Amino acid sequence: MNKSQLKNSVKNIVAEILELSPDEIVSDDVLFTKQYGADSITGIEILASLEAEFGIHIPEELVTEMNSLSTIYALMPKFIEIDQE
């Protein structure tokens, strides 16, 4: 999987959980809690969905760091291999 594919997959997962279309997430740096009213349960849902989609395990203590697309993108290479584009 390359970086672009990863970003697209993550954005689609997050959008589905937040009940948005991917296009409604206008910035990778928008905080889910402030812009979309996400809470800790939403964070757990995002974590579980990423684990299921990519067949990985993400420690639950990282859920508080997963508060924007940018932070998720930065964490993912720790758990899956990203091909160079």
Protein backbone atom coordinates (compact mmCIF):
# COMPACT_ATOMS: atom_id res chain seq x y z
CA MET A 1 0.00 0.00 0.00
CA ASN A 2 1.33 3.42 -0.86
CA LYS A 3 0.85 6.63 1.09
CA SER A 4 -1.96 7.89 -1.14
CA GLN A 5 -3.91 4.64 -0.82
CA LEU A 6 -3.43 4.69 2.94
CA LYS A 7 -4.69 8.26 3.23
CA ASN A 8 -7.72 7.48 1.08
CA SER A 9 -8.60 4.37 3.11
CA VAL A 10 -8.16 6.12 6.46
CA LYS A 11 -10.22 9.12 5.36
CA ASN A 12 -13.04 6.86 4.16
CA ILE A 13 -13.05 4.93 7.44
CA VAL A 14 -13.10 8.09 9.55
CA ALA A 15 -15.78 9.71 7.39
CA GLU A 16 -18.02 6.67 7.70
CA ILE A 17 -17.70 6.64 11.49
CA LEU A 18 -18.36 10.38 11.70
CA GLU A 19 -21.32 9.90 9.32
CA LEU A 20 -19.84 12.27 6.75
CA SER A 21 -18.82 12.00 3.15
CA PRO A 22 -15.02 12.03 2.75
CA ASP A 23 -15.32 15.38 0.96
CA GLU A 24 -16.82 16.94 4.09
CA ILE A 25 -13.53 16.48 5.93
CA VAL A 26 -11.94 19.58 4.50
CA SER A 27 -8.55 19.42 6.20
CA ASP A 28 -6.30 16.65 7.45
CA ASP A 29 -5.52 18.81 10.49
CA VAL A 30 -9.10 19.37 11.69
CA LEU A 31 -9.59 17.96 15.18
CA PHE A 32 -12.45 15.45 15.21
CA THR A 33 -13.60 16.53 18.67
CA LYS A 34 -13.82 20.23 17.89
CA GLN A 35 -15.13 20.14 14.33
CA TYR A 36 -17.30 17.03 14.33
CA GLY A 37 -18.22 16.47 17.98
CA ALA A 38 -16.34 13.18 18.26
CA ASP A 39 -15.79 11.72 21.72
CA SER A 40 -13.71 8.92 23.22
CA ILE A 41 -16.18 6.29 22.00
CA THR A 42 -15.75 7.62 18.47
CA GLY A 43 -11.99 7.31 18.90
CA ILE A 44 -12.36 3.67 19.92
CA GLU A 45 -14.57 3.05 16.88
CA ILE A 46 -11.92 4.60 14.61
CA LEU A 47 -9.18 2.52 16.22
CA ALA A 48 -11.19 -0.71 15.91
CA SER A 49 -12.07 0.01 12.29
CA LEU A 50 -8.45 0.70 11.38
CA GLU A 51 -7.41 -2.54 13.07
CA ALA A 52 -10.05 -4.50 11.17
CA GLU A 53 -9.31 -2.87 7.81
CA PHE A 54 -5.55 -3.30 7.97
CA GLY A 55 -5.29 -6.46 10.10
CA ILE A 56 -3.17 -4.73 12.74
CA HIS A 57 -3.23 -4.07 16.47
CA ILE A 58 -3.04 -0.49 17.70
CA PRO A 59 -2.58 -0.06 21.46
CA GLU A 60 -5.66 1.56 23.01
CA GLU A 61 -3.55 4.19 24.76
CA LEU A 62 -2.90 5.73 21.33
CA VAL A 63 -6.58 6.50 20.82
CA THR A 64 -6.16 9.94 22.40
CA GLU A 65 -3.48 10.77 19.82
CA MET A 66 -5.76 9.81 16.93
CA ASN A 67 -7.66 13.10 16.89
CA SER A 68 -7.16 14.17 13.27
CA LEU A 69 -6.36 12.57 9.93
CA SER A 70 -2.83 13.96 10.14
CA THR A 71 -2.13 12.25 13.45
CA ILE A 72 -3.55 8.96 12.19
CA TYR A 73 -1.44 9.18 9.02
CA ALA A 74 1.64 9.75 11.17
CA LEU A 75 0.89 6.74 13.39
CA MET A 76 0.05 4.20 10.69
CA PRO A 77 3.61 3.52 9.42
CA LYS A 78 4.39 2.15 12.88
CA PHE A 79 1.89 -0.65 12.21
CA ILE A 80 1.87 -1.26 8.45
CA GLU A 81 4.42 -1.06 5.69
CA ILE A 82 3.99 1.90 3.37
CA ASP A 83 5.40 1.62 -0.16
CA GLN A 84 7.25 4.55 -1.63
CA GLU A 85 5.21 6.26 -4.33
